[in-house]
Amino acid sequence: MTFLNHKCVYVFIVASLFSFELLAGPELDISRDNGPIVKVSNPATVTHKMKIGKTTIGVSDLGGGYVNYFHIPGLGNVAVSDYGKGWQGSIRDRYHEGRYNPTQAGFRDTAGAPARVNLYSHRISIPPFQMALYGDPVYDFTEYENLAPDYSGYNDGNRRDKDGINESGYDQDDELRSEWDFQGFYDNVSDKTKSHGVETVKFTNRNTYARNPKAILQFGSKAVRENGVKVLQPKYAVNDVSPLLPGAQTTSPVDLANVIFTAYGIRLPINKGFKYGHYHDGNQWRRLSLAQMRTGKNLQINTGGMESRVSSWSYLSTPLLILSNNVDPAKGHAIGLYSPNDARNRNQSIGRRVSDGRVMYSEDRRTRSWMLFSANNDQVSIRTRYILTGIMAPNRAKANHVEGIRHNSYILYGTPKNILKAIKEL
């Protein structure tokens, strides 16, 4: 079996400083003329910085414009820098057992995805670029390692994978080029929250299944994890992806089903003092200790979706999670992640016309959405996560359309108490 030679569909969107939804432009063949999909580089390198009051946010164009720098006076940089651990979102799905994972930042912690980044006085813009597939120590899908080494524990001599595909004539660039495009903006919107002493960045992004299936074929019926478990899990296929579109859009192995969409994630080092998780619910402050965040209990807090009514998790009335270095919500340094239940986030699944890139339909495909705290030995994190019914490949979606996912989040710096006041201004 070899990669299918479908004619690929590419969509290019011209970035606008004024509108995100009406971005449009001609088709563009995004090819290797732009260089390899990933390069081994230093993930701590910050290439673009934007001041937001007393703090500074920084990104790397060596890693798809992901955030690897957030400077707080007195604490220094509090962002975790590795390409697999910086501030960004992710896409996985249960159908492919979470292994098909197009990412903004790159292939592994030391192999980032080069991308163009534009810096303005109040905006960092990341124009559309083709995302790489992330590699982890669970499933080896890269037969070649000419761009970057895969997990050392595979002991494969750099010439073995477990995807069951004959890849003669290909190389690692072919294996890592996902079908997905990423586009995003970081906007300084602190003018809306500065009266509360809070500095705020709005993150807006869009992920598009822009090309007909190729790399995803490595995650098909012959693919096997290191432990022998099959990658493709047919029990997670979906009979009808879209409640909006006519007919039944039943998923195939080249579509995504039961999508695990982490809209955004912030990771902070424990050695900077971030040991307390704060959230506001039922008109009162609630707090989790570092020990509680490490246990994995009481961390997942519902924010909506079709399955919310049957969930045993508590329902979060204010979609805001905060990590702080102080037990008191009125004191200390704190960073919050706010995921508003606005029209863009509710109707997160979109279909765009290929000819001009315009959004022609949007709908809510959430079966569940939530926010969560988590922690390991050296870092804590907060994330917004959705489970979506699915996303269809371009050659299976509505004719002349490509599907994707969009989201906006707010990153806020201040005290927890002031951050709560500030989100009411947004």
Protein backbone atom coordinates (compact mmCIF):
# COMPACT_ATOMS: atom_id res chain seq x y z
CA MET A 1 0.00 0.00 0.00
CA THR A 2 1.30 3.46 -0.84
CA PHE A 3 0.13 6.98 -0.17
CA LEU A 4 -2.89 7.90 -2.28
CA ASN A 5 -2.20 10.44 -4.99
CA HIS A 6 -5.27 12.61 -4.56
CA LYS A 7 -5.16 16.03 -6.10
CA CYS A 8 -4.64 18.20 -3.01
CA VAL A 9 -6.85 21.11 -2.06
CA TYR A 10 -5.02 24.12 -0.69
CA VAL A 11 -6.54 27.27 0.73
CA PHE A 12 -4.63 30.47 1.25
CA ILE A 13 -6.08 33.23 3.38
CA VAL A 14 -4.69 36.77 3.30
CA ALA A 15 -4.29 38.06 6.86
CA SER A 16 -6.32 41.12 7.77
CA LEU A 17 -5.87 43.38 10.77
CA PHE A 18 -9.57 44.11 10.87
CA SER A 19 -11.50 40.90 10.27
CA PHE A 20 -10.86 37.25 10.99
CA GLU A 21 -13.95 35.61 9.55
CA LEU A 22 -13.87 37.35 6.16
CA LEU A 23 -10.26 36.51 5.34
CA ALA A 24 -10.10 35.54 1.69
CA GLY A 25 -7.64 35.14 -1.12
CA PRO A 26 -6.53 33.03 -4.07
CA GLU A 27 -5.55 29.39 -3.88
CA LEU A 28 -1.88 28.79 -3.18
CA ASP A 29 0.21 25.66 -3.56
CA ILE A 30 2.06 25.44 -0.24
CA SER A 31 5.03 23.29 -1.19
CA ARG A 32 8.52 22.43 -0.06
CA ASP A 33 9.73 25.61 -1.71
CA ASN A 34 9.12 27.06 1.75
CA GLY A 35 11.65 24.65 3.25
CA PRO A 36 11.36 21.49 5.35
CA ILE A 37 8.28 21.00 7.53
CA VAL A 38 10.41 20.83 10.70
CA LYS A 39 13.94 21.72 11.77
CA VAL A 40 15.92 20.82 14.87
CA SER A 41 16.41 24.09 16.76
CA ASN A 42 16.50 25.59 20.24
CA PRO A 43 12.93 25.82 21.59
CA ALA A 44 13.97 28.54 24.04
CA THR A 45 14.75 30.98 21.21
CA VAL A 46 12.25 33.87 21.26
CA THR A 47 11.95 35.58 17.88
CA HIS A 48 9.11 38.09 18.42
CA LYS A 49 8.09 39.94 21.60
CA MET A 50 5.11 42.19 22.34
CA LYS A 51 4.82 44.40 25.41
CA ILE A 52 1.53 44.21 27.30
CA GLY A 53 1.93 46.74 30.09
CA LYS A 54 4.49 45.52 32.62
CA THR A 55 4.61 42.06 31.09
CA THR A 56 5.87 40.79 27.74
CA ILE A 57 4.62 37.90 25.62
CA GLY A 58 6.96 36.22 23.14
CA VAL A 59 6.67 33.64 20.39
CA SER A 60 9.03 31.64 18.20
CA ASP A 61 8.82 31.46 14.42
CA LEU A 62 10.93 28.31 14.73
CA GLY A 63 7.90 26.64 16.35
CA GLY A 64 4.87 27.85 14.41
CA GLY A 65 4.55 31.05 16.44
CA TYR A 66 3.79 29.19 19.67
CA VAL A 67 4.28 31.07 22.96
CA ASN A 68 7.54 30.22 24.70
CA TYR A 69 7.96 33.49 26.61
CA PHE A 70 5.82 35.32 29.16
CA HIS A 71 7.88 37.68 31.27
CA ILE A 72 6.58 38.82 34.65
CA PRO A 73 8.58 41.44 36.60
CA GLY A 74 10.23 39.74 39.56
CA LEU A 75 9.64 36.23 38.20
CA GLY A 76 11.16 36.36 34.72
CA ASN A 77 9.97 34.06 31.94
CA VAL A 78 7.25 31.72 33.22
CA ALA A 79 6.43 29.92 29.95
CA VAL A 80 7.62 26.35 29.40
CA SER A 81 9.56 26.44 26.16
CA ASP A 82 9.82 22.94 24.62
CA TYR A 83 7.97 22.62 21.30
CA GLY A 84 5.71 19.99 22.84
CA LYS A 85 5.11 21.97 26.03
CA GLY A 86 4.75 25.63 25.07
CA TRP A 87 1.51 27.61 25.13
CA GLN A 88 -0.65 26.34 22.28
CA GLY A 89 -3.60 24.11 21.46
CA SER A 90 -3.80 20.64 19.94
CA ILE A 91 -5.98 18.38 17.81
CA ARG A 92 -6.36 14.65 18.36
CA ASP A 93 -9.25 12.25 17.97
CA ARG A 94 -10.38 9.05 19.63
CA TYR A 95 -10.96 7.35 16.28
CA HIS A 96 -7.19 7.42 15.66
CA GLU A 97 -6.52 6.69 19.33
CA GLY A 98 -5.13 10.18 19.89
CA ARG A 99 -2.05 9.49 17.79
CA TYR A 100 -2.84 11.62 14.73
CA ASN A 101 -1.86 14.99 16.17
CA PRO A 102 -1.32 18.02 13.88
CA THR A 103 0.43 20.65 15.98
CA GLN A 104 1.35 24.30 15.72
CA ALA A 105 4.83 24.01 17.22
CA GLY A 106 6.42 20.97 15.59
CA PHE A 107 7.35 17.30 15.64
CA ARG A 108 9.08 16.82 19.00
CA ASP A 109 10.36 18.99 21.85
CA THR A 110 13.53 19.93 19.95
CA ALA A 111 12.20 19.89 16.36
CA GLY A 112 10.01 22.89 15.61
CA ALA A 113 7.91 23.89 12.61
CA PRO A 114 9.29 27.05 10.91
CA ALA A 115 6.56 29.58 10.12
CA ARG A 116 6.19 33.23 9.18
CA VAL A 117 5.31 35.59 12.04
CA ASN A 118 4.40 39.28 11.73
CA LEU A 119 4.83 41.68 14.65
CA TYR A 120 2.80 44.88 15.04
CA SER A 121 2.46 47.26 17.99
CA HIS A 122 -0.60 45.48 19.41
CA ARG A 123 -0.66 42.23 17.45
CA ILE A 124 1.37 39.14 16.70
CA SER A 125 0.05 37.59 13.48
CA ILE A 126 0.73 34.02 12.32
CA PRO A 127 -0.38 33.63 8.67
CA PRO A 128 -1.61 30.21 7.49
CA PHE A 129 1.00 27.47 7.38
CA GLN A 130 0.99 23.68 7.10
CA MET A 131 1.21 21.98 10.48
CA ALA A 132 3.54 19.10 11.24
CA LEU A 133 2.47 15.90 12.96
CA TYR A 134 3.66 15.53 16.53
CA GLY A 135 5.53 12.36 17.54
CA ASP A 136 5.36 10.70 20.94
CA PRO A 137 6.77 7.55 22.61
CA VAL A 138 3.56 5.61 22.01
CA TYR A 139 3.37 5.09 18.25
CA ASP A 140 6.24 5.17 15.75
CA PHE A 141 4.93 6.35 12.36
CA THR A 142 8.19 7.80 11.00
CA GLU A 143 10.31 5.37 9.02
CA TYR A 144 12.77 8.13 8.16
CA GLU A 145 14.66 10.51 10.43
CA ASN A 146 16.47 12.77 7.99
CA LEU A 147 14.91 15.93 9.50
CA ALA A 148 14.71 15.06 13.19
CA PRO A 149 15.10 11.97 15.39
CA ASP A 150 12.00 10.29 16.75
CA TYR A 151 11.72 8.84 20.24
CA SER A 152 15.00 7.18 21.23
CA GLY A 153 13.23 4.34 23.00
CA TYR A 154 12.01 2.90 19.70
CA ASN A 155 15.54 1.56 18.98
CA ASP A 156 14.59 1.30 15.32
CA GLY A 157 17.94 2.09 13.76
CA ASN A 158 16.31 5.10 12.09
CA ARG A 159 14.68 2.82 9.49
CA ARG A 160 11.55 1.27 10.95
CA ASP A 161 8.01 2.33 11.72
CA LYS A 162 4.72 0.59 12.51
CA ASP A 163 2.24 2.21 10.14
CA GLY A 164 2.09 -0.75 7.74
CA ILE A 165 2.60 1.47 4.68
CA ASN A 166 5.22 1.05 1.96
CA GLU A 167 6.94 4.43 1.93
CA SER A 168 9.65 3.73 -0.63
CA GLY A 169 10.62 6.95 -2.36
CA TYR A 170 9.37 9.15 0.48
CA ASP A 171 11.23 10.77 3.37
CA GLN A 172 10.44 12.23 6.78
CA ASP A 173 9.11 15.43 5.27
CA ASP A 174 6.32 13.42 3.59
CA GLU A 175 5.61 11.58 6.83
CA LEU A 176 5.32 14.74 8.94
CA ARG A 177 3.31 17.03 6.63
CA SER A 178 -0.19 16.96 8.05
CA GLU A 179 -3.30 17.80 6.07
CA TRP A 180 -4.01 20.76 8.38
CA ASP A 181 -3.26 24.50 8.27
CA PHE A 182 -2.92 26.76 11.30
CA GLN A 183 -3.59 30.49 11.48
CA GLY A 184 -3.62 32.69 14.58
CA PHE A 185 -3.39 36.13 16.20
CA TYR A 186 -2.28 37.38 19.62
CA ASP A 187 -3.86 40.77 20.29
CA ASN A 188 -3.07 43.12 23.18
CA VAL A 189 -6.52 44.08 24.48
CA SER A 190 -5.36 45.40 27.85
CA ASP A 191 -7.14 48.70 27.22
CA LYS A 192 -10.35 46.87 28.15
CA THR A 193 -9.04 45.56 31.49
CA LYS A 194 -6.35 48.00 32.65
CA SER A 195 -8.75 49.76 35.02
CA HIS A 196 -8.64 46.55 37.09
CA GLY A 197 -4.84 46.33 36.96
CA VAL A 198 -5.02 43.38 34.56
CA GLU A 199 -3.06 42.87 31.36
CA THR A 200 -4.84 40.83 28.70
CA VAL A 201 -4.00 39.08 25.44
CA LYS A 202 -6.69 37.69 23.15
CA PHE A 203 -5.71 34.60 21.18
CA THR A 204 -7.73 33.87 18.03
CA ASN A 205 -6.99 30.82 15.91
CA ARG A 206 -8.31 28.63 13.14
CA ASN A 207 -7.29 25.09 12.16
CA THR A 208 -8.31 23.84 8.71
CA TYR A 209 -8.33 20.33 7.21
CA ALA A 210 -7.01 21.90 4.02
CA ARG A 211 -5.60 18.97 2.01
CA ASN A 212 -6.91 15.65 0.82
CA PRO A 213 -5.72 12.63 2.84
CA LYS A 214 -2.09 11.61 2.68
CA ALA A 215 -0.18 11.69 5.97
CA ILE A 216 -3.27 10.51 7.88
CA LEU A 217 -3.06 7.21 5.98
CA GLN A 218 -0.19 6.33 8.34
CA PHE A 219 -2.80 6.06 11.10
CA GLY A 220 -5.05 3.53 9.36
CA SER A 221 -6.07 -0.08 9.93
CA LYS A 222 -2.52 -1.49 9.70
CA ALA A 223 -1.00 0.95 12.19
CA VAL A 224 0.02 -0.56 15.54
CA ARG A 225 1.25 1.09 18.73
CA GLU A 226 4.43 -0.03 20.46
CA ASN A 227 2.33 -2.07 22.89
CA GLY A 228 0.55 -3.90 20.06
CA VAL A 229 -2.75 -2.00 20.30
CA LYS A 230 -4.20 -0.92 16.94
CA VAL A 231 -4.19 2.81 16.32
CA LEU A 232 -7.52 2.93 14.46
CA GLN A 233 -10.46 2.44 16.83
CA PRO A 234 -13.66 1.86 14.78
CA LYS A 235 -15.83 1.98 17.90
CA TYR A 236 -15.31 5.76 17.90
CA ALA A 237 -16.58 6.31 14.36
CA VAL A 238 -19.56 8.68 14.11
CA ASN A 239 -22.72 8.05 12.10
CA ASP A 240 -23.49 11.72 11.48
CA VAL A 241 -20.83 14.38 12.04
CA SER A 242 -23.00 17.40 11.26
CA PRO A 243 -26.45 18.15 12.70
CA LEU A 244 -26.65 21.06 10.24
CA LEU A 245 -25.79 19.54 6.87
CA PRO A 246 -28.35 17.36 5.07
CA GLY A 247 -27.89 13.59 5.12
CA ALA A 248 -25.61 11.52 7.31
CA GLN A 249 -21.89 12.33 7.28
CA THR A 250 -20.53 9.00 8.47
CA THR A 251 -16.82 9.10 9.30
CA SER A 252 -14.21 7.06 7.47
CA PRO A 253 -10.57 6.46 8.53
CA VAL A 254 -9.45 9.66 6.79
CA ASP A 255 -11.92 11.80 8.75
CA LEU A 256 -11.61 12.79 12.39
CA ALA A 257 -14.21 11.40 14.79
CA ASN A 258 -14.70 12.09 18.48
CA VAL A 259 -12.25 14.95 18.12
CA ILE A 260 -10.27 15.90 21.22
CA PHE A 261 -9.78 19.62 20.58
CA THR A 262 -7.65 21.35 23.21
CA ALA A 263 -8.43 24.92 22.24
CA TYR A 264 -5.59 26.34 24.32
CA GLY A 265 -3.19 25.28 27.05
CA ILE A 266 -0.96 27.26 29.41
CA ARG A 267 1.91 25.52 31.24
CA LEU A 268 3.78 27.16 34.11
CA PRO A 269 6.85 25.95 36.07
CA ILE A 270 6.29 24.98 39.67
CA ASN A 271 9.70 26.40 40.61
CA LYS A 272 8.31 29.88 39.86
CA GLY A 273 5.84 29.37 42.72
CA PHE A 274 2.69 28.49 40.77
CA LYS A 275 1.20 26.01 43.22
CA TYR A 276 -2.44 27.09 43.54
CA GLY A 277 -5.37 26.68 41.19
CA HIS A 278 -8.19 29.20 41.61
CA TYR A 279 -11.64 29.31 40.06
CA HIS A 280 -14.85 31.16 40.89
CA ASP A 281 -18.10 29.23 41.02
CA GLY A 282 -21.37 29.61 42.85
CA ASN A 283 -20.44 33.18 43.83
CA GLN A 284 -17.42 32.00 45.80
CA TRP A 285 -13.75 31.32 45.29
CA ARG A 286 -12.63 27.71 45.16
CA ARG A 287 -9.05 26.55 45.30
CA LEU A 288 -7.00 23.48 44.45
CA SER A 289 -3.63 22.76 45.96
CA LEU A 290 -0.69 21.45 43.98
CA ALA A 291 -1.29 18.01 45.51
CA GLN A 292 -4.91 18.05 44.33
CA MET A 293 -3.92 19.11 40.83
CA ARG A 294 -1.49 16.20 40.71
CA THR A 295 -4.09 13.62 41.73
CA GLY A 296 -6.27 14.14 38.66
CA LYS A 297 -9.40 14.34 40.83
CA ASN A 298 -11.94 17.16 40.84
CA LEU A 299 -10.13 18.88 38.00
CA GLN A 300 -12.45 18.61 35.02
CA ILE A 301 -15.13 21.28 35.15
CA ASN A 302 -17.97 21.26 32.63
CA THR A 303 -18.61 24.28 30.46
CA GLY A 304 -21.32 22.88 28.18
CA GLY A 305 -22.08 20.51 25.32
CA MET A 306 -24.73 17.95 24.48
CA GLU A 307 -23.59 15.48 27.16
CA SER A 308 -23.44 18.00 30.01
CA ARG A 309 -26.78 16.89 31.38
CA VAL A 310 -25.47 13.37 32.04
CA SER A 311 -22.03 14.37 33.30
CA SER A 312 -20.98 13.65 36.86
CA TRP A 313 -18.57 16.62 36.75
CA SER A 314 -19.50 19.89 38.38
CA TYR A 315 -20.68 22.63 36.04
CA LEU A 316 -18.50 25.74 35.88
CA SER A 317 -20.59 28.91 35.70
CA THR A 318 -17.58 31.14 34.90
CA PRO A 319 -15.29 29.59 32.23
CA LEU A 320 -12.10 30.89 33.86
CA LEU A 321 -9.24 28.95 35.45
CA ILE A 322 -6.32 30.67 37.18
CA LEU A 323 -2.87 29.55 38.33
CA SER A 324 -1.30 31.63 41.10
CA ASN A 325 1.72 31.73 43.38
CA ASN A 326 -0.44 32.81 46.33
CA VAL A 327 -3.14 31.03 48.29
CA ASP A 328 -5.08 34.32 48.62
CA PRO A 329 -7.05 35.29 45.47
CA ALA A 330 -6.47 38.96 46.30
CA LYS A 331 -2.67 38.64 46.26
CA GLY A 332 0.27 37.37 44.26
CA HIS A 333 1.07 36.81 40.61
CA ALA A 334 -1.57 34.92 38.65
CA ILE A 335 -2.29 33.94 35.04
CA GLY A 336 -5.82 33.12 33.97
CA LEU A 337 -7.28 31.37 30.92
CA TYR A 338 -10.76 32.58 30.00
CA SER A 339 -12.81 30.74 27.36
CA PRO A 340 -16.01 32.74 26.76
CA ASN A 341 -19.14 30.94 25.68
CA ASP A 342 -19.53 33.29 22.73
CA ALA A 343 -20.85 32.58 19.23
CA ARG A 344 -17.40 31.80 17.85
CA ASN A 345 -16.62 29.25 20.55
CA ARG A 346 -20.11 27.73 20.55
CA ASN A 347 -20.15 27.35 16.77
CA GLN A 348 -16.56 26.22 16.60
CA SER A 349 -16.84 23.83 13.62
CA ILE A 350 -16.82 25.61 10.28
CA GLY A 351 -17.00 24.96 6.55
CA ARG A 352 -15.12 27.29 4.20
CA ARG A 353 -15.54 27.71 0.48
CA VAL A 354 -12.39 26.63 -1.36
CA SER A 355 -12.58 29.31 -4.03
CA ASP A 356 -12.23 32.26 -1.66
CA GLY A 357 -11.84 30.87 1.87
CA ARG A 358 -15.06 32.38 3.19
CA VAL A 359 -16.86 30.71 6.09
CA MET A 360 -20.09 29.37 4.59
CA TYR A 361 -21.42 27.44 7.58
CA SER A 362 -20.67 27.10 11.27
CA GLU A 363 -22.19 24.87 13.92
CA ASP A 364 -21.85 23.49 17.41
CA ARG A 365 -20.48 19.93 17.20
CA ARG A 366 -19.60 19.74 20.89
CA THR A 367 -20.66 16.65 22.75
CA ARG A 368 -18.82 17.93 25.82
CA SER A 369 -16.60 20.85 26.72
CA TRP A 370 -14.65 21.53 29.87
CA MET A 371 -11.69 23.25 31.47
CA LEU A 372 -9.11 21.45 33.56
CA PHE A 373 -6.15 21.80 35.87
CA SER A 374 -3.29 19.30 35.80
CA ALA A 375 0.20 18.99 37.23
CA ASN A 376 3.26 16.77 37.09
CA ASN A 377 6.59 16.93 38.89
CA ASP A 378 7.77 20.24 37.45
CA GLN A 379 4.84 22.08 35.86
CA VAL A 380 1.17 22.93 36.24
CA SER A 381 -1.26 23.64 33.44
CA ILE A 382 -4.74 24.93 32.62
CA ARG A 383 -6.56 24.01 29.43
CA THR A 384 -9.84 24.37 27.55
CA ARG A 385 -10.93 21.17 25.85
CA TYR A 386 -13.82 20.09 23.61
CA ILE A 387 -15.01 16.74 22.36
CA LEU A 388 -16.48 17.27 18.88
CA THR A 389 -18.44 14.79 16.76
CA GLY A 390 -15.95 15.03 13.89
CA ILE A 391 -14.31 16.88 11.01
CA MET A 392 -14.57 15.65 7.43
CA ALA A 393 -11.66 15.39 4.98
CA PRO A 394 -11.86 17.76 1.96
CA ASN A 395 -12.62 14.94 -0.50
CA ARG A 396 -15.50 13.83 1.74
CA ALA A 397 -16.87 17.14 3.03
CA LYS A 398 -19.52 19.25 1.31
CA ALA A 399 -18.44 19.78 -2.30
CA ASN A 400 -15.96 22.64 -2.80
CA HIS A 401 -15.60 23.20 0.94
CA VAL A 402 -13.00 22.46 3.60
CA GLU A 403 -13.84 22.00 7.27
CA GLY A 404 -12.03 23.24 10.33
CA ILE A 405 -12.15 24.39 13.94
CA ARG A 406 -11.92 27.89 15.39
CA HIS A 407 -11.62 29.34 18.88
CA ASN A 408 -10.71 32.42 20.86
CA SER A 409 -9.28 32.57 24.37
CA TYR A 410 -8.06 35.29 26.71
CA ILE A 411 -4.81 35.16 28.69
CA LEU A 412 -4.92 37.48 31.69
CA TYR A 413 -2.26 38.56 34.19
CA GLY A 414 -3.01 40.11 37.60
CA THR A 415 -4.38 38.81 40.89
CA PRO A 416 -7.17 36.20 40.69
CA LYS A 417 -9.63 38.66 42.22
CA ASN A 418 -8.83 41.36 39.67
CA ILE A 419 -8.80 38.89 36.77
CA LEU A 420 -12.36 37.89 37.67
CA LYS A 421 -13.42 41.54 37.58
CA ALA A 422 -11.63 42.05 34.27
CA ILE A 423 -13.38 39.30 32.32
CA LYS A 424 -16.66 41.11 32.79
CA GLU A 425 -15.22 43.86 30.59
CA LEU A 426 -14.55 41.37 27.78
